[in-house]
Amino acid sequence: MIKDIQKHLGDKAADLLDFKRPKIPKDRLHLPGPDFVDRIFAPSDRSNRVLANLQRLFSGGRLAHTGYLSILPVDQGIEHSAGASFAKNPDYFDAENIVKLAVEGGCNAVASTFGVLGMCARKYAHRIPFIVKINHNELLTYPNKFDQIMFGTVREAAEMGAAAVGATIYFGSAESGRQIVEVAQAFAAAHELGLATVLWCYLRNGAFKKEHDYHVAADLTGQANHLGVTIQADIIKQKLPETNHGFEALNLGTSAYGKFDKRIYTELCSDHPIDLCRYQVANCYMGRAGLINSGGASGKNDMAEAVATAVINKRAGGTGLISGRKAFQRPMKEGVALLNAIQDVYLCPEVTVA
C-alpha cells in the first residue's frame, strides 16, 4: 500500500511523508480514532440521536471504525450547472448512479441535493448515510450572482432518513451575515431533530485575489473554520490551503481588514503544506470538529493530486477527504479506483500524523 502511495506522490513523496517538524505538535490535537464520537462528542451538548448519526457516518465504507471519513459530494449539478458537470460522463445525470458510485467506492457517506437523494431514498438511505445539502448557489440567474440560498428544510432531510445536513457559507462575501444566521438556525434545527451537521466553509470576495489567491490562504480559511465550528458544525469541509499571509496582504497600505498576529506565520505555521493544513485543524477546536478537505476540480493528474491531498490532510491531523469531480467525471470503475486510492492513505499505517 505504501509503495503505491509513494508512486502516486512521485517527487513529492519524501517531502510529504518525511515531514517531522510541525509548528503545532500533534499532542495538542484531538486526533481521529475508532473512539472519536465517544471521546469528542459524547461529553458535548449533542443529543443521543445526533451521536447515533455521527456514529453512522464513521461506521460505513472501507474506513469504518477508523475515525476517518471518505465522502462523495455531488451538488455540482446546481453549483456548477448540470451540463458543465456531467458532460464528461452523462451517466451522472441519473441520480441513482451518484449514490451507486458512493456505495461501490466504499465511501462513508454521500452528500448531494434534496432531489438526488430524495429520488433514491427508499432504496439507499438505510444502506449508506445521506448528507443532504440544504443550500446552493445556482448559475441560471442573469447576470450570475454568488449567493447561497435555501433549497429545502431540515425537516425534509430528516424525513428522508438522512444522517446529516450540509450547508455552505461564503465567508467574506456581502451576503455572509445573512448566510451565517440562516445556517446557524438550520444547524440548531438539525441537532434538535437528531441530525449531524457539515459546513462547507468557503471564502468568496473579489478582493481576496491579489498576487496570490487568498481564498485558499491558511490564515483566512482557518478563521472561516473557526466561525464554522462556532455555529456548531460537527464536521468542517474546507479547501486545502495553498498559501498564507492573507490577513497581511489585505492590510497593506491604508487598508484595514480583520485582526491578526504575526506569530500566526512564525510560531503557529510554516510554509509546508502539512503545516498550512494543521493550522486549519487548529481552528476546528484543535480537531474536536473533524476537518475534511475537498478534492478540487478534475484535471490531468487527478490520482496524484487526490492522494497528495489525502496525505497532507491525514498527516496534518485531519479527518478525511470529500472528493467529487475527480471521482464522477470519469467512468465509474475509474471513479471507484480513485476513491479507493484516497481511502488507502487513511488505511495505511506507514502514513502517520506528523
Protein backbone atom coordinates (compact mmCIF):
# COMPACT_ATOMS: atom_id res chain seq x y z
CA MET A 1 0.00 0.00 0.00
CA ILE A 2 2.76 2.49 0.94
CA LYS A 3 4.59 1.75 -2.32
CA ASP A 4 1.52 2.68 -4.35
CA ILE A 5 1.17 5.89 -2.33
CA GLN A 6 4.82 6.76 -2.91
CA LYS A 7 4.38 6.08 -6.61
CA HIS A 8 1.40 8.42 -6.83
CA LEU A 9 3.27 11.13 -4.91
CA GLY A 10 6.30 10.93 -7.19
CA ASP A 11 8.91 13.56 -6.38
CA LYS A 12 6.70 14.90 -3.58
CA ALA A 13 6.91 11.65 -1.62
CA ALA A 14 9.87 12.47 0.61
CA ASP A 15 8.68 15.99 1.38
CA LEU A 16 5.18 14.88 2.36
CA LEU A 17 5.89 11.52 4.01
CA ASP A 18 9.04 12.50 5.94
CA PHE A 19 7.92 15.89 7.30
CA LYS A 20 8.52 15.81 11.07
CA ARG A 21 8.64 19.36 12.45
CA PRO A 22 5.15 20.88 12.56
CA LYS A 23 4.82 24.18 14.37
CA ILE A 24 1.84 22.90 16.37
CA PRO A 25 2.78 19.49 17.84
CA LYS A 26 0.35 16.63 17.40
CA ASP A 27 -0.02 16.11 21.16
CA ARG A 28 -2.08 19.32 21.23
CA LEU A 29 -4.60 17.86 18.79
CA HIS A 30 -7.66 15.67 19.22
CA LEU A 31 -6.85 13.07 16.59
CA PRO A 32 -9.19 10.73 14.71
CA GLY A 33 -9.58 7.21 16.06
CA PRO A 34 -12.14 4.42 16.48
CA ASP A 35 -13.45 6.11 19.65
CA PHE A 36 -13.76 9.59 18.11
CA VAL A 37 -17.51 10.02 18.67
CA ASP A 38 -17.34 8.71 22.25
CA ARG A 39 -14.22 10.71 23.09
CA ILE A 40 -15.17 14.03 21.49
CA PHE A 41 -18.93 14.29 21.10
CA ALA A 42 -20.31 12.23 24.00
CA PRO A 43 -19.31 14.96 26.53
CA SER A 44 -20.81 17.68 24.30
CA ASP A 45 -24.37 19.04 24.16
CA ARG A 46 -25.21 16.82 21.16
CA SER A 47 -28.22 14.59 21.79
CA ASN A 48 -28.16 10.80 21.70
CA ARG A 49 -29.78 10.88 18.26
CA VAL A 50 -27.03 13.17 16.93
CA LEU A 51 -24.39 10.86 18.44
CA ALA A 52 -26.05 7.90 16.72
CA ASN A 53 -25.97 9.63 13.34
CA LEU A 54 -22.38 10.75 13.80
CA GLN A 55 -21.52 7.14 14.59
CA ARG A 56 -23.34 6.10 11.40
CA LEU A 57 -21.07 8.40 9.40
CA PHE A 58 -17.95 6.92 10.97
CA SER A 59 -19.13 3.31 10.71
CA GLY A 60 -19.61 2.75 6.99
CA GLY A 61 -17.49 2.03 3.96
CA ARG A 62 -13.86 1.00 3.79
CA LEU A 63 -12.86 3.45 6.54
CA ALA A 64 -15.43 2.13 9.04
CA HIS A 65 -14.36 2.48 12.68
CA THR A 66 -11.04 4.19 11.87
CA GLY A 67 -12.15 7.71 12.81
CA TYR A 68 -11.63 8.83 9.21
CA LEU A 69 -14.15 9.79 6.55
CA SER A 70 -14.35 9.38 2.78
CA ILE A 71 -17.37 11.24 1.42
CA LEU A 72 -18.63 11.59 -2.16
CA PRO A 73 -20.19 15.05 -2.71
CA VAL A 74 -22.20 15.70 -5.86
CA ASP A 75 -24.04 19.00 -5.77
CA GLN A 76 -22.25 20.39 -8.82
CA GLY A 77 -25.34 19.98 -10.97
CA ILE A 78 -26.60 23.10 -9.22
CA GLU A 79 -23.37 24.77 -8.10
CA HIS A 80 -21.58 24.46 -11.47
CA SER A 81 -24.57 23.60 -13.73
CA ALA A 82 -25.53 20.07 -14.75
CA GLY A 83 -24.29 20.19 -18.32
CA ALA A 84 -20.87 21.50 -17.37
CA SER A 85 -20.57 18.96 -14.57
CA PHE A 86 -21.86 15.81 -16.26
CA ALA A 87 -20.76 16.29 -19.89
CA LYS A 88 -17.63 14.20 -19.20
CA ASN A 89 -19.83 11.32 -18.02
CA PRO A 90 -23.57 11.73 -18.77
CA ASP A 91 -24.37 8.68 -16.61
CA TYR A 92 -24.40 11.01 -13.61
CA PHE A 93 -27.41 12.93 -14.86
CA ASP A 94 -29.12 9.84 -13.35
CA ALA A 95 -29.41 10.42 -9.60
CA GLU A 96 -29.08 6.75 -8.72
CA ASN A 97 -25.63 6.50 -10.29
CA ILE A 98 -24.36 9.15 -7.90
CA VAL A 99 -25.39 7.05 -4.92
CA LYS A 100 -24.13 3.87 -6.59
CA LEU A 101 -20.68 5.43 -7.01
CA ALA A 102 -20.53 6.22 -3.29
CA VAL A 103 -21.60 2.66 -2.39
CA GLU A 104 -19.29 0.93 -4.88
CA GLY A 105 -16.47 3.30 -3.97
CA GLY A 106 -16.59 2.31 -0.29
CA CYS A 107 -17.48 5.80 0.96
CA ASN A 108 -18.71 6.53 4.48
CA ALA A 109 -21.49 8.76 3.11
CA VAL A 110 -22.86 10.51 0.04
CA ALA A 111 -23.61 14.24 0.05
CA SER A 112 -25.99 15.64 -2.55
CA THR A 113 -29.14 17.63 -3.19
CA PHE A 114 -32.70 17.14 -1.98
CA GLY A 115 -33.61 15.98 -5.48
CA VAL A 116 -30.82 13.45 -5.96
CA LEU A 117 -31.11 11.84 -2.54
CA GLY A 118 -34.90 12.05 -2.38
CA MET A 119 -35.19 10.18 -5.68
CA CYS A 120 -33.21 7.25 -4.25
CA ALA A 121 -34.09 7.46 -0.55
CA ARG A 122 -36.22 4.31 -0.13
CA LYS A 123 -33.61 2.19 -1.90
CA TYR A 124 -30.43 3.55 -0.34
CA ALA A 125 -30.99 5.62 2.83
CA HIS A 126 -30.57 2.52 5.01
CA ARG A 127 -27.50 1.34 3.06
CA ILE A 128 -25.31 4.46 3.11
CA PRO A 129 -25.64 7.62 5.23
CA PHE A 130 -27.13 10.59 3.37
CA ILE A 131 -25.84 14.14 3.86
CA VAL A 132 -28.48 16.42 2.37
CA LYS A 133 -27.11 19.74 1.09
CA ILE A 134 -29.74 22.29 2.07
CA ASN A 135 -28.46 25.44 0.34
CA HIS A 136 -26.83 26.18 -3.01
CA ASN A 137 -25.62 28.87 -5.38
CA GLU A 138 -27.33 28.48 -8.76
CA LEU A 139 -25.93 29.78 -12.05
CA LEU A 140 -29.09 30.43 -14.09
CA THR A 141 -29.80 33.92 -12.77
CA TYR A 142 -28.57 36.54 -15.26
CA PRO A 143 -26.15 38.05 -14.67
CA ASN A 144 -24.71 35.29 -12.46
CA LYS A 145 -24.73 36.01 -8.76
CA PHE A 146 -22.93 34.21 -5.98
CA ASP A 147 -25.21 33.67 -3.01
CA GLN A 148 -26.14 30.51 -1.11
CA ILE A 149 -29.92 30.21 -0.78
CA MET A 150 -32.05 27.55 0.91
CA PHE A 151 -33.49 24.83 -1.33
CA GLY A 152 -35.45 22.93 1.33
CA THR A 153 -35.90 22.39 5.04
CA VAL A 154 -34.09 20.39 7.66
CA ARG A 155 -37.31 18.51 8.41
CA GLU A 156 -37.45 17.29 4.81
CA ALA A 157 -33.92 15.92 5.20
CA ALA A 158 -34.85 14.18 8.46
CA GLU A 159 -37.97 12.62 6.95
CA MET A 160 -35.85 11.35 4.04
CA GLY A 161 -33.78 9.35 6.53
CA ALA A 162 -30.65 11.48 6.28
CA ALA A 163 -27.87 11.17 8.83
CA ALA A 164 -26.74 14.78 8.39
CA VAL A 165 -27.35 18.06 6.64
CA GLY A 166 -24.73 20.10 4.84
CA ALA A 167 -24.63 23.79 4.02
CA THR A 168 -22.27 26.36 2.53
CA ILE A 169 -21.39 29.81 3.81
CA TYR A 170 -19.43 32.24 1.63
CA PHE A 171 -17.40 33.87 4.37
CA GLY A 172 -16.11 37.30 3.40
CA SER A 173 -18.97 37.99 0.98
CA ALA A 174 -21.54 40.76 1.33
CA GLU A 175 -24.18 38.06 1.91
CA SER A 176 -22.24 36.19 4.60
CA GLY A 177 -24.05 37.80 7.55
CA ARG A 178 -27.43 36.55 6.35
CA GLN A 179 -25.99 33.14 5.47
CA ILE A 180 -24.41 32.75 8.92
CA VAL A 181 -27.77 33.42 10.58
CA GLU A 182 -29.68 31.09 8.22
CA VAL A 183 -27.22 28.21 8.55
CA ALA A 184 -26.85 28.63 12.32
CA GLN A 185 -30.63 28.35 12.67
CA ALA A 186 -30.74 25.36 10.31
CA PHE A 187 -27.96 23.58 12.22
CA ALA A 188 -29.77 24.16 15.51
CA ALA A 189 -32.91 22.65 13.97
CA ALA A 190 -30.87 19.73 12.63
CA HIS A 191 -29.43 18.95 16.06
CA GLU A 192 -32.93 19.14 17.55
CA LEU A 193 -34.07 16.52 15.02
CA GLY A 194 -31.04 14.33 15.67
CA LEU A 195 -29.03 15.09 12.53
CA ALA A 196 -25.31 15.80 12.33
CA THR A 197 -24.09 18.97 10.61
CA VAL A 198 -21.43 19.52 7.94
CA LEU A 199 -20.36 23.02 6.85
CA TRP A 200 -18.74 23.92 3.55
CA CYS A 201 -16.59 26.79 4.92
CA TYR A 202 -15.72 28.71 1.76
CA LEU A 203 -14.38 32.20 1.21
CA ARG A 204 -15.69 34.43 -1.58
CA ASN A 205 -14.71 38.02 -2.25
CA GLY A 206 -13.02 39.52 -5.29
CA ALA A 207 -10.67 41.46 -3.02
CA PHE A 208 -9.13 38.17 -1.84
CA LYS A 209 -7.45 37.69 -5.24
CA LYS A 210 -4.20 39.65 -5.40
CA GLU A 211 -0.71 38.38 -6.26
CA HIS A 212 -1.94 35.13 -4.71
CA ASP A 213 -5.43 33.70 -4.42
CA TYR A 214 -6.09 34.23 -0.73
CA HIS A 215 -9.35 32.28 -0.94
CA VAL A 216 -7.05 29.34 -0.16
CA ALA A 217 -4.83 31.07 2.42
CA ALA A 218 -4.34 29.11 5.63
CA ASP A 219 -4.97 32.12 7.89
CA LEU A 220 -8.23 33.18 6.21
CA THR A 221 -9.59 29.66 5.72
CA GLY A 222 -8.59 28.88 9.30
CA GLN A 223 -10.70 31.77 10.55
CA ALA A 224 -13.60 30.60 8.38
CA ASN A 225 -13.28 27.19 10.06
CA HIS A 226 -13.36 28.86 13.48
CA LEU A 227 -16.57 30.67 12.57
CA GLY A 228 -17.99 27.39 11.29
CA VAL A 229 -17.40 25.45 14.50
CA THR A 230 -18.86 28.39 16.42
CA ILE A 231 -22.27 27.72 14.83
CA GLN A 232 -21.82 24.06 15.85
CA ALA A 233 -20.78 22.40 12.63
CA ASP A 234 -19.78 18.87 13.63
CA ILE A 235 -17.60 18.48 10.53
CA ILE A 236 -15.87 21.22 8.54
CA LYS A 237 -15.30 20.95 4.78
CA GLN A 238 -12.54 23.25 3.57
CA LYS A 239 -10.33 23.68 0.53
CA LEU A 240 -6.74 22.59 1.00
CA PRO A 241 -4.63 25.68 1.77
CA GLU A 242 -2.14 26.70 -0.91
CA THR A 243 -0.70 29.88 0.58
CA ASN A 244 -0.77 32.05 3.72
CA HIS A 245 -0.47 35.69 4.82
CA GLY A 246 -3.97 36.62 3.66
CA PHE A 247 -4.59 38.97 6.56
CA GLU A 248 -1.25 40.68 5.92
CA ALA A 249 -1.98 41.13 2.21
CA LEU A 250 -5.37 42.68 2.93
CA ASN A 251 -3.86 45.09 5.44
CA LEU A 252 -1.27 46.70 3.17
CA GLY A 253 -1.19 50.47 2.69
CA THR A 254 -4.17 52.31 4.11
CA SER A 255 -6.50 49.30 4.09
CA ALA A 256 -7.59 47.67 7.33
CA TYR A 257 -9.07 44.20 7.47
CA GLY A 258 -9.74 41.92 10.41
CA LYS A 259 -7.18 41.33 13.13
CA PHE A 260 -4.09 39.12 13.13
CA ASP A 261 -0.90 38.39 14.99
CA LYS A 262 2.35 37.82 13.08
CA ARG A 263 3.03 34.80 15.28
CA ILE A 264 0.44 33.03 13.11
CA TYR A 265 3.11 32.92 10.41
CA THR A 266 6.14 32.21 12.58
CA GLU A 267 5.10 30.20 15.64
CA LEU A 268 1.86 28.53 14.52
CA CYS A 269 2.57 27.79 10.87
CA SER A 270 5.32 27.37 8.31
CA ASP A 271 5.02 27.31 4.52
CA HIS A 272 4.96 23.50 4.40
CA PRO A 273 1.59 22.20 3.11
CA ILE A 274 1.13 19.94 6.16
CA ASP A 275 1.69 22.90 8.49
CA LEU A 276 -0.74 25.04 6.48
CA CYS A 277 -3.39 22.34 6.82
CA ARG A 278 -2.62 21.83 10.51
CA TYR A 279 -3.46 25.49 11.10
CA GLN A 280 -6.89 24.74 9.61
CA VAL A 281 -7.23 21.79 12.01
CA ALA A 282 -6.24 24.01 14.95
CA ASN A 283 -9.10 26.35 14.11
CA CYS A 284 -11.53 23.43 14.36
CA TYR A 285 -11.05 23.39 18.15
CA MET A 286 -7.76 21.52 17.69
CA GLY A 287 -9.53 18.72 15.85
CA ARG A 288 -12.62 18.33 18.03
CA ALA A 289 -14.63 19.13 14.89
CA GLY A 290 -13.26 17.00 12.08
CA LEU A 291 -11.62 18.73 9.12
CA ILE A 292 -12.27 17.16 5.72
CA ASN A 293 -10.53 18.78 2.78
CA SER A 294 -12.10 18.94 -0.65
CA GLY A 295 -10.64 17.17 -3.66
CA GLY A 296 -10.84 20.06 -6.12
CA ALA A 297 -11.54 20.16 -9.84
CA SER A 298 -10.86 17.27 -12.19
CA GLY A 299 -7.76 17.55 -14.38
CA LYS A 300 -4.86 15.62 -15.91
CA ASN A 301 -3.28 14.38 -12.67
CA ASP A 302 -6.34 13.53 -10.58
CA MET A 303 -4.98 10.39 -8.92
CA ALA A 304 -1.70 12.00 -7.87
CA GLU A 305 -3.45 15.17 -6.64
CA ALA A 306 -6.09 13.21 -4.70
CA VAL A 307 -3.50 11.02 -2.97
CA ALA A 308 -1.33 14.04 -2.12
CA THR A 309 -4.31 15.88 -0.64
CA ALA A 310 -5.20 12.84 1.46
CA VAL A 311 -1.62 12.52 2.73
CA ILE A 312 -1.50 16.20 3.67
CA ASN A 313 -4.87 16.04 5.43
CA LYS A 314 -4.04 12.87 7.38
CA ARG A 315 -0.55 13.96 8.39
CA ALA A 316 -1.93 17.36 9.47
CA GLY A 317 -4.41 15.69 11.83
CA GLY A 318 -7.44 15.99 9.58
CA THR A 319 -10.40 13.61 9.43
CA GLY A 320 -10.63 12.75 5.75
CA LEU A 321 -11.39 13.78 2.22
CA ILE A 322 -14.56 14.79 0.40
CA SER A 323 -13.86 14.32 -3.30
CA GLY A 324 -16.47 14.69 -6.04
CA ARG A 325 -15.46 15.89 -9.52
CA LYS A 326 -12.28 13.84 -9.61
CA ALA A 327 -14.40 10.73 -8.98
CA PHE A 328 -17.58 11.25 -11.00
CA GLN A 329 -16.18 12.98 -14.10
CA ARG A 330 -14.84 9.65 -15.38
CA PRO A 331 -16.15 6.08 -15.88
CA MET A 332 -17.49 4.56 -12.67
CA LYS A 333 -14.77 1.90 -12.47
CA GLU A 334 -12.09 4.60 -12.58
CA GLY A 335 -14.00 6.71 -10.06
CA VAL A 336 -14.13 3.78 -7.66
CA ALA A 337 -10.37 3.26 -8.09
CA LEU A 338 -9.70 6.92 -7.27
CA LEU A 339 -11.88 6.84 -4.16
CA ASN A 340 -10.17 3.63 -3.03
CA ALA A 341 -6.73 5.21 -3.53
CA ILE A 342 -7.76 8.07 -1.24
CA GLN A 343 -9.05 5.62 1.36
CA ASP A 344 -5.83 3.61 1.19
CA VAL A 345 -3.94 6.63 2.53
CA TYR A 346 -6.07 6.59 5.70
CA LEU A 347 -5.79 2.80 5.98
CA CYS A 348 -2.00 2.79 5.51
CA PRO A 349 -0.21 2.56 8.91
CA GLU A 350 3.00 3.97 7.41
CA VAL A 351 1.28 7.32 6.72
CA THR A 352 1.31 8.81 10.21
CA VAL A 353 0.25 12.09 11.79
CA ALA A 354 3.23 14.46 11.74
